[in-house]
Structure formats: structure tokens, C-alpha cells
Amino acid sequence: QVQLVESGGGLVQAGGSLRLSCAASGVSTSSYTMGWFRRAPGKQRELVATITKEEITSYADSVKGRFTISRDIDKDMVYLQMNSLKPEDTAEYYCKARYTFYSFWGQGTQVTVSS
């Protein structure tokens, strides 16, 4: 059964850094576009970053220059390096894998940034 499991969330002070990991099992993600989404309490889900199988990346304007998405295709792993964190980055972060009609979501990991 396909599973995406996020880890690495936690509490960090503003200006600090955090690295999120997403581990996929039950599927080879080598042909998938991978992405990170986030949802803050009372707000809509938003796209944070994506990375294709060609390792082409894109970022939301709010995180560009601070966050970096990367992947290890051989290990079916995706990462989100978050630097210069701000309180407005506080949210539940979700990993997503997509290929044609298939899409899979992780359970989420909480990131809390204190001022």
C-alpha cells in the first residue's frame, strides 16, 4: 500500500531552520512530481514548492529564497529545507506525489515558529 510519511516538524524560533523529510513506500516515485503543501489554522491549503523528475523546482513567492525542495529519487525521499523561518510559516506541512491520474498525500507534520 502506498504511503507518504512526513517527519522533521517541530517548534523553532523565528530566524531558525528546519528540514522536513517525506518518505514514500509502496511505490517508486521516480516518475512523479513531488510537492509540499501547507495549511495554517483557519486558512486555505497552499502550495509551497514542487519538484519534477527532471528536478525542476518551483516555489511560492512567500517562501522563495528561504525554502529549498530537493529529492533523492533512488531512496524515494523528498526534502524541504526551511531557512529564515517566520511566524507566518507556522502550519501543518503535507507531502504530495502526483503522476497522471495518481496522487498521494502524507499525514502531515506540524511546524510552529515562535516570535
PDB file of N, CA and C in Angstrom:
ATOM      1  N   GLN A   1       0.845  -1.183   0.000  1.00  0.00           N
ATOM      2  CA  GLN A   1       0.000   0.000   0.000  1.00  0.00           C
ATOM      3  C   GLN A   1       0.886   1.241   0.000  1.00  0.00           C
ATOM      4  N   VAL A   2       0.504   2.230  -0.797  1.00  0.00           N
ATOM      5  CA  VAL A   2       1.307   3.438  -0.938  1.00  0.00           C
ATOM      6  C   VAL A   2       1.175   4.295   0.309  1.00  0.00           C
ATOM      7  N   GLN A   3       2.302   4.755   0.801  1.00  0.00           N
ATOM      8  CA  GLN A   3       2.317   5.640   1.953  1.00  0.00           C
ATOM      9  C   GLN A   3       3.355   6.732   1.762  1.00  0.00           C
ATOM     10  N   LEU A   4       3.008   7.942   2.175  1.00  0.00           N
ATOM     11  CA  LEU A   4       3.940   9.046   2.290  1.00  0.00           C
ATOM     12  C   LEU A   4       3.957   9.469   3.747  1.00  0.00           C
ATOM     13  N   VAL A   5       5.133   9.492   4.341  1.00  0.00           N
ATOM     14  CA  VAL A   5       5.262   9.815   5.751  1.00  0.00           C
ATOM     15  C   VAL A   5       6.208  10.987   5.912  1.00  0.00           C
ATOM     16  N   GLU A   6       5.690  12.085   6.462  1.00  0.00           N
ATOM     17  CA  GLU A   6       6.495  13.271   6.715  1.00  0.00           C
ATOM     18  C   GLU A   6       7.117  13.203   8.105  1.00  0.00           C
ATOM     19  N   SER A   7       8.250  13.842   8.243  1.00  0.00           N
ATOM     20  CA  SER A   7       8.908  13.954   9.534  1.00  0.00           C
ATOM     21  C   SER A   7       9.765  15.209   9.546  1.00  0.00           C
ATOM     22  N   GLY A   8      10.217  15.587  10.721  1.00  0.00           N
ATOM     23  CA  GLY A   8      11.114  16.718  10.854  1.00  0.00           C
ATOM     24  C   GLY A   8      10.473  17.988  11.357  1.00  0.00           C
ATOM     25  N   GLY A   9       9.160  17.979  11.525  1.00  0.00           N
ATOM     26  CA  GLY A   9       8.488  19.151  12.048  1.00  0.00           C
ATOM     27  C   GLY A   9       8.797  19.359  13.517  1.00  0.00           C
ATOM     28  N   GLY A  10       8.428  20.526  14.005  1.00  0.00           N
ATOM     29  CA  GLY A  10       8.664  20.836  15.400  1.00  0.00           C
ATOM     30  C   GLY A  10       8.540  22.311  15.673  1.00  0.00           C
ATOM     31  N   LEU A  11       9.034  22.703  16.831  1.00  0.00           N
ATOM     32  CA  LEU A  11       8.999  24.091  17.276  1.00  0.00           C
ATOM     33  C   LEU A  11      10.362  24.727  17.068  1.00  0.00           C
ATOM     34  N   VAL A  12      10.378  25.892  16.436  1.00  0.00           N
ATOM     35  CA  VAL A  12      11.621  26.596  16.168  1.00  0.00           C
ATOM     36  C   VAL A  12      11.390  28.091  16.323  1.00  0.00           C
ATOM     37  N   GLN A  13      12.423  28.808  16.708  1.00  0.00           N
ATOM     38  CA  GLN A  13      12.324  30.256  16.846  1.00  0.00           C
ATOM     39  C   GLN A  13      12.443  30.938  15.492  1.00  0.00           C
ATOM     40  N   ALA A  14      11.836  32.113  15.385  1.00  0.00           N
ATOM     41  CA  ALA A  14      11.943  32.896  14.162  1.00  0.00           C
ATOM     42  C   ALA A  14      13.405  33.113  13.799  1.00  0.00           C
ATOM     43  N   GLY A  15      13.687  32.968  12.505  1.00  0.00           N
ATOM     44  CA  GLY A  15      15.053  33.075  12.020  1.00  0.00           C
ATOM     45  C   GLY A  15      15.786  31.750  11.977  1.00  0.00           C
ATOM     46  N   GLY A  16      15.215  30.733  12.578  1.00  0.00           N
ATOM     47  CA  GLY A  16      15.837  29.426  12.608  1.00  0.00           C
ATOM     48  C   GLY A  16      15.565  28.617  11.364  1.00  0.00           C
ATOM     49  N   SER A  17      16.038  27.376  11.384  1.00  0.00           N
ATOM     50  CA  SER A  17      15.918  26.483  10.239  1.00  0.00           C
ATOM     51  C   SER A  17      15.333  25.149  10.655  1.00  0.00           C
ATOM     52  N   LEU A  18      14.731  24.493   9.689  1.00  0.00           N
ATOM     53  CA  LEU A  18      14.146  23.182   9.903  1.00  0.00           C
ATOM     54  C   LEU A  18      14.186  22.433   8.578  1.00  0.00           C
ATOM     55  N   ARG A  19      14.370  21.130   8.643  1.00  0.00           N
ATOM     56  CA  ARG A  19      14.382  20.301   7.439  1.00  0.00           C
ATOM     57  C   ARG A  19      13.312  19.230   7.547  1.00  0.00           C
ATOM     58  N   LEU A  20      12.360  19.268   6.628  1.00  0.00           N
ATOM     59  CA  LEU A  20      11.312  18.271   6.571  1.00  0.00           C
ATOM     60  C   LEU A  20      11.692  17.159   5.608  1.00  0.00           C
ATOM     61  N   SER A  21      11.285  15.940   5.937  1.00  0.00           N
ATOM     62  CA  SER A  21      11.522  14.790   5.085  1.00  0.00           C
ATOM     63  C   SER A  21      10.207  14.111   4.759  1.00  0.00           C
ATOM     64  N   CYS A  22      10.134  13.539   3.576  1.00  0.00           N
ATOM     65  CA  CYS A  22       8.975  12.771   3.138  1.00  0.00           C
ATOM     66  C   CYS A  22       9.479  11.457   2.571  1.00  0.00           C
ATOM     67  N   ALA A  23       9.081  10.360   3.190  1.00  0.00           N
ATOM     68  CA  ALA A  23       9.492   9.030   2.762  1.00  0.00           C
ATOM     69  C   ALA A  23       8.319   8.316   2.103  1.00  0.00           C
ATOM     70  N   ALA A  24       8.510   7.882   0.876  1.00  0.00           N
ATOM     71  CA  ALA A  24       7.484   7.154   0.140  1.00  0.00           C
ATOM     72  C   ALA A  24       7.769   5.665   0.190  1.00  0.00           C
ATOM     73  N   SER A  25       6.722   4.880   0.365  1.00  0.00           N
ATOM     74  CA  SER A  25       6.831   3.430   0.333  1.00  0.00           C
ATOM     75  C   SER A  25       5.662   2.853  -0.446  1.00  0.00           C
ATOM     76  N   GLY A  26       5.868   1.672  -1.009  1.00  0.00           N
ATOM     77  CA  GLY A  26       4.832   1.025  -1.797  1.00  0.00           C
ATOM     78  C   GLY A  26       4.727   1.523  -3.225  1.00  0.00           C
ATOM     79  N   VAL A  27       5.624   2.410  -3.618  1.00  0.00           N
ATOM     80  CA  VAL A  27       5.623   2.963  -4.959  1.00  0.00           C
ATOM     81  C   VAL A  27       6.999   3.538  -5.257  1.00  0.00           C
ATOM     82  N   SER A  28       7.397   3.464  -6.514  1.00  0.00           N
ATOM     83  CA  SER A  28       8.598   4.145  -6.965  1.00  0.00           C
ATOM     84  C   SER A  28       8.197   5.525  -7.458  1.00  0.00           C
ATOM     85  N   THR A  29       8.762   6.564  -6.872  1.00  0.00           N
ATOM     86  CA  THR A  29       8.379   7.933  -7.198  1.00  0.00           C
ATOM     87  C   THR A  29       9.242   8.563  -8.273  1.00  0.00           C
ATOM     88  N   SER A  30      10.034   7.774  -8.960  1.00  0.00           N
ATOM     89  CA  SER A  30      10.979   8.318  -9.931  1.00  0.00           C
ATOM     90  C   SER A  30      10.306   9.073 -11.074  1.00  0.00           C
ATOM     91  N   SER A  31       9.061   8.732 -11.406  1.00  0.00           N
ATOM     92  CA  SER A  31       8.332   9.407 -12.478  1.00  0.00           C
ATOM     93  C   SER A  31       7.341  10.442 -11.956  1.00  0.00           C
ATOM     94  N   TYR A  32       7.306  10.660 -10.665  1.00  0.00           N
ATOM     95  CA  TYR A  32       6.322  11.528 -10.032  1.00  0.00           C
ATOM     96  C   TYR A  32       6.845  12.940  -9.853  1.00  0.00           C
ATOM     97  N   THR A  33       5.919  13.880  -9.946  1.00  0.00           N
ATOM     98  CA  THR A  33       6.177  15.213  -9.450  1.00  0.00           C
ATOM     99  C   THR A  33       5.858  15.226  -7.958  1.00  0.00           C
ATOM    100  N   MET A  34       6.767  15.739  -7.165  1.00  0.00           N
ATOM    101  CA  MET A  34       6.603  15.784  -5.725  1.00  0.00           C
ATOM    102  C   MET A  34       6.411  17.225  -5.280  1.00  0.00           C
ATOM    103  N   GLY A  35       5.682  17.381  -4.197  1.00  0.00           N
ATOM    104  CA  GLY A  35       5.436  18.727  -3.722  1.00  0.00           C
ATOM    105  C   GLY A  35       5.195  18.796  -2.231  1.00  0.00           C
ATOM    106  N   TRP A  36       5.333  19.998  -1.715  1.00  0.00           N
ATOM    107  CA  TRP A  36       4.996  20.300  -0.333  1.00  0.00           C
ATOM    108  C   TRP A  36       3.885  21.332  -0.305  1.00  0.00           C
ATOM    109  N   PHE A  37       2.882  21.070   0.505  1.00  0.00           N
ATOM    110  CA  PHE A  37       1.783  21.988   0.748  1.00  0.00           C
ATOM    111  C   PHE A  37       1.735  22.311   2.228  1.00  0.00           C
ATOM    112  N   ARG A  38       1.031  23.372   2.585  1.00  0.00           N
ATOM    113  CA  ARG A  38       0.853  23.680   3.987  1.00  0.00           C
ATOM    114  C   ARG A  38      -0.519  24.291   4.226  1.00  0.00           C
ATOM    115  N   ARG A  39      -1.006  24.103   5.443  1.00  0.00           N
ATOM    116  CA  ARG A  39      -2.277  24.668   5.849  1.00  0.00           C
ATOM    117  C   ARG A  39      -2.156  25.214   7.258  1.00  0.00           C
ATOM    118  N   ALA A  40      -2.385  26.496   7.382  1.00  0.00           N
ATOM    119  CA  ALA A  40      -2.407  27.140   8.683  1.00  0.00           C
ATOM    120  C   ALA A  40      -3.836  27.133   9.218  1.00  0.00           C
ATOM    121  N   PRO A  41      -4.012  27.162  10.542  1.00  0.00           N
ATOM    122  CA  PRO A  41      -5.360  27.159  11.113  1.00  0.00           C
ATOM    123  C   PRO A  41      -6.215  28.292  10.570  1.00  0.00           C
ATOM    124  N   GLY A  42      -7.412  27.958  10.106  1.00  0.00           N
ATOM    125  CA  GLY A  42      -8.331  28.952   9.582  1.00  0.00           C
ATOM    126  C   GLY A  42      -8.002  29.463   8.199  1.00  0.00           C
ATOM    127  N   LYS A  43      -7.001  28.891   7.550  1.00  0.00           N
ATOM    128  CA  LYS A  43      -6.599  29.334   6.226  1.00  0.00           C
ATOM    129  C   LYS A  43      -6.707  28.204   5.207  1.00  0.00           C
ATOM    130  N   GLN A  44      -6.684  28.575   3.939  1.00  0.00           N
ATOM    131  CA  GLN A  44      -6.725  27.600   2.861  1.00  0.00           C
ATOM    132  C   GLN A  44      -5.372  26.910   2.706  1.00  0.00           C
ATOM    133  N   ARG A  45      -5.417  25.698   2.186  1.00  0.00           N
ATOM    134  CA  ARG A  45      -4.195  24.996   1.855  1.00  0.00           C
ATOM    135  C   ARG A  45      -3.477  25.724   0.729  1.00  0.00           C
ATOM    136  N   GLU A  46      -2.168  25.836   0.820  1.00  0.00           N
ATOM    137  CA  GLU A  46      -1.407  26.492  -0.226  1.00  0.00           C
ATOM    138  C   GLU A  46      -0.216  25.653  -0.649  1.00  0.00           C
ATOM    139  N   LEU A  47       0.122  25.781  -1.907  1.00  0.00           N
ATOM    140  CA  LEU A  47       1.291  25.106  -2.453  1.00  0.00           C
ATOM    141  C   LEU A  47       2.548  25.844  -2.025  1.00  0.00           C
ATOM    142  N   VAL A  48       3.517  25.098  -1.514  1.00  0.00           N
ATOM    143  CA  VAL A  48       4.774  25.675  -1.060  1.00  0.00           C
ATOM    144  C   VAL A  48       5.862  25.511  -2.108  1.00  0.00           C
ATOM    145  N   ALA A  49       6.049  24.285  -2.598  1.00  0.00           N
ATOM    146  CA  ALA A  49       7.119  24.009  -3.545  1.00  0.00           C
ATOM    147  C   ALA A  49       6.841  22.708  -4.269  1.00  0.00           C
ATOM    148  N   THR A  50       7.363  22.589  -5.492  1.00  0.00           N
ATOM    149  CA  THR A  50       7.264  21.356  -6.260  1.00  0.00           C
ATOM    150  C   THR A  50       8.607  21.037  -6.890  1.00  0.00           C
ATOM    151  N   ILE A  51       8.798  19.770  -7.198  1.00  0.00           N
ATOM    152  CA  ILE A  51       9.994  19.326  -7.900  1.00  0.00           C
ATOM    153  C   ILE A  51       9.620  18.179  -8.819  1.00  0.00           C
ATOM    154  N   THR A  52      10.036  18.272 -10.086  1.00  0.00           N
ATOM    155  CA  THR A  52       9.718  17.261 -11.075  1.00  0.00           C
ATOM    156  C   THR A  52      10.772  16.174 -11.088  1.00  0.00           C
ATOM    157  N   LYS A  53      10.527  15.149 -11.914  1.00  0.00           N
ATOM    158  CA  LYS A  53      11.504  14.074 -12.051  1.00  0.00           C
ATOM    159  C   LYS A  53      12.787  14.581 -12.696  1.00  0.00           C
ATOM    160  N   GLU A  54      12.693  15.668 -13.445  1.00  0.00           N
ATOM    161  CA  GLU A  54      13.877  16.315 -14.008  1.00  0.00           C
ATOM    162  C   GLU A  54      14.532  17.268 -13.023  1.00  0.00           C
ATOM    163  N   GLU A  55      13.981  17.330 -11.805  1.00  0.00           N
ATOM    164  CA  GLU A  55      14.469  18.185 -10.724  1.00  0.00           C
ATOM    165  C   GLU A  55      14.312  19.663 -11.045  1.00  0.00           C
ATOM    166  N   ILE A  56      13.271  19.985 -11.805  1.00  0.00           N
ATOM    167  CA  ILE A  56      12.869  21.369 -11.989  1.00  0.00           C
ATOM    168  C   ILE A  56      12.010  21.770 -10.800  1.00  0.00           C
ATOM    169  N   THR A  57      12.337  22.878 -10.182  1.00  0.00           N
ATOM    170  CA  THR A  57      11.670  23.297  -8.958  1.00  0.00           C
ATOM    171  C   THR A  57      10.862  24.562  -9.167  1.00  0.00           C
ATOM    172  N   SER A  58       9.853  24.743  -8.332  1.00  0.00           N
ATOM    173  CA  SER A  58       9.085  25.970  -8.288  1.00  0.00           C
ATOM    174  C   SER A  58       8.692  26.239  -6.847  1.00  0.00           C
ATOM    175  N   TYR A  59       8.473  27.521  -6.526  1.00  0.00           N
ATOM    176  CA  TYR A  59       8.214  27.926  -5.158  1.00  0.00           C
ATOM    177  C   TYR A  59       7.135  28.982  -5.100  1.00  0.00           C
ATOM    178  N   ALA A  60       6.404  28.976  -4.002  1.00  0.00           N
ATOM    179  CA  ALA A  60       5.513  30.080  -3.723  1.00  0.00           C
ATOM    180  C   ALA A  60       6.335  31.333  -3.459  1.00  0.00           C
ATOM    181  N   ASP A  61       5.793  32.486  -3.862  1.00  0.00           N
ATOM    182  CA  ASP A  61       6.524  33.734  -3.666  1.00  0.00           C
ATOM    183  C   ASP A  61       6.874  33.972  -2.197  1.00  0.00           C
ATOM    184  N   SER A  62       6.023  33.514  -1.310  1.00  0.00           N
ATOM    185  CA  SER A  62       6.219  33.761   0.109  1.00  0.00           C
ATOM    186  C   SER A  62       7.413  33.017   0.698  1.00  0.00           C
ATOM    187  N   VAL A  63       7.889  31.973   0.012  1.00  0.00           N
ATOM    188  CA  VAL A  63       8.997  31.186   0.542  1.00  0.00           C
ATOM    189  C   VAL A  63      10.223  31.211  -0.348  1.00  0.00           C
ATOM    190  N   LYS A  64      10.109  31.782  -1.531  1.00  0.00           N
ATOM    191  CA  LYS A  64      11.218  31.803  -2.473  1.00  0.00           C
ATOM    192  C   LYS A  64      12.431  32.503  -1.863  1.00  0.00           C
ATOM    193  N   GLY A  65      13.580  31.867  -1.987  1.00  0.00           N
ATOM    194  CA  GLY A  65      14.799  32.390  -1.411  1.00  0.00           C
ATOM    195  C   GLY A  65      15.067  31.905  -0.011  1.00  0.00           C
ATOM    196  N   ARG A  66      14.056  31.342   0.640  1.00  0.00           N
ATOM    197  CA  ARG A  66      14.211  30.832   2.002  1.00  0.00           C
ATOM    198  C   ARG A  66      14.103  29.313   2.075  1.00  0.00           C
ATOM    199  N   PHE A  67      13.237  28.736   1.246  1.00  0.00           N
ATOM    200  CA  PHE A  67      12.998  27.290   1.257  1.00  0.00           C
ATOM    201  C   PHE A  67      13.637  26.646   0.033  1.00  0.00           C
ATOM    202  N   THR A  68      14.073  25.405   0.183  1.00  0.00           N
ATOM    203  CA  THR A  68      14.630  24.636  -0.920  1.00  0.00           C
ATOM    204  C   THR A  68      14.048  23.232  -0.903  1.00  0.00           C
ATOM    205  N   ILE A  69      13.449  22.833  -2.020  1.00  0.00           N
ATOM    206  CA  ILE A  69      12.948  21.476  -2.156  1.00  0.00           C
ATOM    207  C   ILE A  69      13.978  20.644  -2.904  1.00  0.00           C
ATOM    208  N   SER A  70      14.154  19.410  -2.483  1.00  0.00           N
ATOM    209  CA  SER A  70      15.090  18.505  -3.133  1.00  0.00           C
ATOM    210  C   SER A  70      14.561  17.086  -3.028  1.00  0.00           C
ATOM    211  N   ARG A  71      15.191  16.180  -3.758  1.00  0.00           N
ATOM    212  CA  ARG A  71      14.747  14.792  -3.713  1.00  0.00           C
ATOM    213  C   ARG A  71      15.914  13.849  -3.922  1.00  0.00           C
ATOM    214  N   ASP A  72      15.761  12.652  -3.388  1.00  0.00           N
ATOM    215  CA  ASP A  72      16.660  11.547  -3.634  1.00  0.00           C
ATOM    216  C   ASP A  72      15.812  10.472  -4.292  1.00  0.00           C
ATOM    217  N   ILE A  73      15.877  10.395  -5.618  1.00  0.00           N
ATOM    218  CA  ILE A  73      15.000   9.505  -6.366  1.00  0.00           C
ATOM    219  C   ILE A  73      15.263   8.040  -6.013  1.00  0.00           C
ATOM    220  N   ASP A  74      16.520   7.684  -5.828  1.00  0.00           N
ATOM    221  CA  ASP A  74      16.867   6.297  -5.511  1.00  0.00           C
ATOM    222  C   ASP A  74      16.268   5.846  -4.184  1.00  0.00           C
ATOM    223  N   LYS A  75      16.100   6.780  -3.254  1.00  0.00           N
ATOM    224  CA  LYS A  75      15.568   6.455  -1.941  1.00  0.00           C
ATOM    225  C   LYS A  75      14.088   6.807  -1.788  1.00  0.00           C
ATOM    226  N   ASP A  76      13.461   7.327  -2.850  1.00  0.00           N
ATOM    227  CA  ASP A  76      12.065   7.766  -2.791  1.00  0.00           C
ATOM    228  C   ASP A  76      11.852   8.742  -1.641  1.00  0.00           C
ATOM    229  N   MET A  77      12.773   9.686  -1.520  1.00  0.00           N
ATOM    230  CA  MET A  77      12.718  10.682  -0.460  1.00  0.00           C
ATOM    231  C   MET A  77      12.615  12.080  -1.055  1.00  0.00           C
ATOM    232  N   VAL A  78      11.876  12.937  -0.391  1.00  0.00           N
ATOM    233  CA  VAL A  78      11.753  14.341  -0.748  1.00  0.00           C
ATOM    234  C   VAL A  78      11.992  15.163   0.506  1.00  0.00           C
ATOM    235  N   TYR A  79      12.646  16.302   0.336  1.00  0.00           N
ATOM    236  CA  TYR A  79      13.014  17.131   1.471  1.00  0.00           C
ATOM    237  C   TYR A  79      12.575  18.565   1.245  1.00  0.00           C
ATOM    238  N   LEU A  80      12.386  19.266   2.337  1.00  0.00           N
ATOM    239  CA  LEU A  80      12.130  20.694   2.291  1.00  0.00           C
ATOM    240  C   LEU A  80      13.006  21.356   3.342  1.00  0.00           C
ATOM    241  N   GLN A  81      14.040  22.036   2.884  1.00  0.00           N
ATOM    242  CA  GLN A  81      14.909  22.792   3.776  1.00  0.00           C
ATOM    243  C   GLN A  81      14.316  24.177   3.959  1.00  0.00           C
ATOM    244  N   MET A  82      14.022  24.538   5.193  1.00  0.00           N
ATOM    245  CA  MET A  82      13.380  25.803   5.505  1.00  0.00           C
ATOM    246  C   MET A  82      14.332  26.645   6.337  1.00  0.00           C
ATOM    247  N   ASN A  83      14.745  27.777   5.791  1.00  0.00           N
ATOM    248  CA  ASN A  83      15.638  28.699   6.468  1.00  0.00           C
ATOM    249  C   ASN A  83      14.936  30.026   6.717  1.00  0.00           C
ATOM    250  N   SER A  84      15.494  30.814   7.604  1.00  0.00           N
ATOM    251  CA  SER A  84      14.949  32.133   7.931  1.00  0.00           C
ATOM    252  C   SER A  84      13.457  32.060   8.206  1.00  0.00           C
ATOM    253  N   LEU A  85      13.073  31.127   9.039  1.00  0.00           N
ATOM    254  CA  LEU A  85      11.659  30.876   9.298  1.00  0.00           C
ATOM    255  C   LEU A  85      10.990  32.063   9.980  1.00  0.00           C
ATOM    256  N   LYS A  86       9.742  32.282   9.607  1.00  0.00           N
ATOM    257  CA  LYS A  86       8.931  33.366  10.137  1.00  0.00           C
ATOM    258  C   LYS A  86       7.706  32.789  10.839  1.00  0.00           C
ATOM    259  N   PRO A  87       7.128  33.527  11.783  1.00  0.00           N
ATOM    260  CA  PRO A  87       5.913  33.026  12.437  1.00  0.00           C
ATOM    261  C   PRO A  87       4.802  32.680  11.456  1.00  0.00           C
ATOM    262  N   GLU A  88       4.706  33.390  10.339  1.00  0.00           N
ATOM    263  CA  GLU A  88       3.678  33.099   9.354  1.00  0.00           C
ATOM    264  C   GLU A  88       3.915  31.794   8.593  1.00  0.00           C
ATOM    265  N   ASP A  89       5.068  31.161   8.797  1.00  0.00           N
ATOM    266  CA  ASP A  89       5.316  29.835   8.241  1.00  0.00           C
ATOM    267  C   ASP A  89       4.677  28.738   9.076  1.00  0.00           C
ATOM    268  N   THR A  90       4.165  29.080  10.243  1.00  0.00           N
ATOM    269  CA  THR A  90       3.522  28.101  11.108  1.00  0.00           C
ATOM    270  C   THR A  90       2.339  27.458  10.389  1.00  0.00           C
ATOM    271  N   ALA A  91       2.363  26.135  10.278  1.00  0.00           N
ATOM    272  CA  ALA A  91       1.328  25.415   9.545  1.00  0.00           C
ATOM    273  C   ALA A  91       1.580  23.918   9.654  1.00  0.00           C
ATOM    274  N   GLU A  92       0.594  23.160   9.231  1.00  0.00           N
ATOM    275  CA  GLU A  92       0.761  21.731   9.015  1.00  0.00           C
ATOM    276  C   GLU A  92       1.284  21.557   7.591  1.00  0.00           C
ATOM    277  N   TYR A  93       2.392  20.853   7.436  1.00  0.00           N
ATOM    278  CA  TYR A  93       3.020  20.667   6.136  1.00  0.00           C
ATOM    279  C   TYR A  93       2.764  19.258   5.623  1.00  0.00           C
ATOM    280  N   TYR A  94       2.355  19.168   4.356  1.00  0.00           N
ATOM    281  CA  TYR A  94       1.972  17.902   3.742  1.00  0.00           C
ATOM    282  C   TYR A  94       2.817  17.625   2.509  1.00  0.00           C
ATOM    283  N   CYS A  95       3.204  16.389   2.351  1.00  0.00           N
ATOM    284  CA  CYS A  95       3.913  15.925   1.172  1.00  0.00           C
ATOM    285  C   CYS A  95       2.916  15.340   0.180  1.00  0.00           C
ATOM    286  N   LYS A  96       3.129  15.593  -1.115  1.00  0.00           N
ATOM    287  CA  LYS A  96       2.259  15.069  -2.161  1.00  0.00           C
ATOM    288  C   LYS A  96       3.075  14.490  -3.303  1.00  0.00           C
ATOM    289  N   ALA A  97       2.600  13.362  -3.834  1.00  0.00           N
ATOM    290  CA  ALA A  97       3.171  12.749  -5.022  1.00  0.00           C
ATOM    291  C   ALA A  97       2.097  12.673  -6.093  1.00  0.00           C
ATOM    292  N   ARG A  98       2.451  13.039  -7.329  1.00  0.00           N
ATOM    293  CA  ARG A  98       1.465  13.043  -8.410  1.00  0.00           C
ATOM    294  C   ARG A  98       2.067  12.501  -9.698  1.00  0.00           C
ATOM    295  N   TYR A  99       1.303  11.632 -10.365  1.00  0.00           N
ATOM    296  CA  TYR A  99       1.677  11.113 -11.674  1.00  0.00           C
ATOM    297  C   TYR A  99       0.404  10.741 -12.418  1.00  0.00           C
ATOM    298  N   THR A 100       0.155  11.396 -13.537  1.00  0.00           N
ATOM    299  CA  THR A 100      -1.068  11.241 -14.327  1.00  0.00           C
ATOM    300  C   THR A 100      -2.294  11.295 -13.411  1.00  0.00           C
ATOM    301  N   PHE A 101      -3.065  10.208 -13.318  1.00  0.00           N
ATOM    302  CA  PHE A 101      -4.278  10.194 -12.512  1.00  0.00           C
ATOM    303  C   PHE A 101      -4.028   9.864 -11.046  1.00  0.00           C
ATOM    304  N   TYR A 102      -2.804   9.544 -10.710  1.00  0.00           N
ATOM    305  CA  TYR A 102      -2.490   9.123  -9.352  1.00  0.00           C
ATOM    306  C   TYR A 102      -1.984  10.292  -8.519  1.00  0.00           C
ATOM    307  N   SER A 103      -2.451  10.378  -7.307  1.00  0.00           N
ATOM    308  CA  SER A 103      -1.925  11.337  -6.356  1.00  0.00           C
ATOM    309  C   SER A 103      -2.014  10.755  -4.958  1.00  0.00           C
ATOM    310  N   PHE A 104      -1.001  11.015  -4.173  1.00  0.00           N
ATOM    311  CA  PHE A 104      -0.922  10.500  -2.814  1.00  0.00           C
ATOM    312  C   PHE A 104      -0.501  11.616  -1.876  1.00  0.00           C
ATOM    313  N   TRP A 105      -1.047  11.574  -0.684  1.00  0.00           N
ATOM    314  CA  TRP A 105      -0.772  12.584   0.335  1.00  0.00           C
ATOM    315  C   TRP A 105      -0.248  11.947   1.605  1.00  0.00           C
ATOM    316  N   GLY A 106       0.655  12.647   2.254  1.00  0.00           N
ATOM    317  CA  GLY A 106       1.109  12.235   3.564  1.00  0.00           C
ATOM    318  C   GLY A 106       0.158  12.708   4.644  1.00  0.00           C
ATOM    319  N   GLN A 107       0.454  12.336   5.879  1.00  0.00           N
ATOM    320  CA  GLN A 107      -0.428  12.655   7.005  1.00  0.00           C
ATOM    321  C   GLN A 107      -0.169  14.041   7.580  1.00  0.00           C
ATOM    322  N   GLY A 108       0.946  14.633   7.229  1.00  0.00           N
ATOM    323  CA  GLY A 108       1.279  15.966   7.682  1.00  0.00           C
ATOM    324  C   GLY A 108       2.222  15.980   8.864  1.00  0.00           C
ATOM    325  N   THR A 109       2.978  17.053   8.968  1.00  0.00           N
ATOM    326  CA  THR A 109       3.844  17.283  10.108  1.00  0.00           C
ATOM    327  C   THR A 109       3.754  18.751  10.499  1.00  0.00           C
ATOM    328  N   GLN A 110       3.661  19.008  11.791  1.00  0.00           N
ATOM    329  CA  GLN A 110       3.421  20.358  12.287  1.00  0.00           C
ATOM    330  C   GLN A 110       4.718  21.140  12.396  1.00  0.00           C
ATOM    331  N   VAL A 111       4.694  22.359  11.882  1.00  0.00           N
ATOM    332  CA  VAL A 111       5.798  23.302  12.033  1.00  0.00           C
ATOM    333  C   VAL A 111       5.273  24.528  12.760  1.00  0.00           C
ATOM    334  N   THR A 112       5.888  24.852  13.877  1.00  0.00           N
ATOM    335  CA  THR A 112       5.499  26.017  14.653  1.00  0.00           C
ATOM    336  C   THR A 112       6.706  26.927  14.830  1.00  0.00           C
ATOM    337  N   VAL A 113       6.560  28.180  14.420  1.00  0.00           N
ATOM    338  CA  VAL A 113       7.636  29.159  14.501  1.00  0.00           C
ATOM    339  C   VAL A 113       7.241  30.223  15.511  1.00  0.00           C
ATOM    340  N   SER A 114       8.014  30.341  16.559  1.00  0.00           N
ATOM    341  CA  SER A 114       7.732  31.315  17.601  1.00  0.00           C
ATOM    342  C   SER A 114       8.459  32.624  17.318  1.00  0.00           C
ATOM    343  N   SER A 115       7.879  33.720  17.765  1.00  0.00           N
ATOM    344  CA  SER A 115       8.465  35.033  17.546  1.00  0.00           C
ATOM    345  C   SER A 115       9.460  35.381  18.633  1.00  0.00           C
TER     346      SER A 115
END
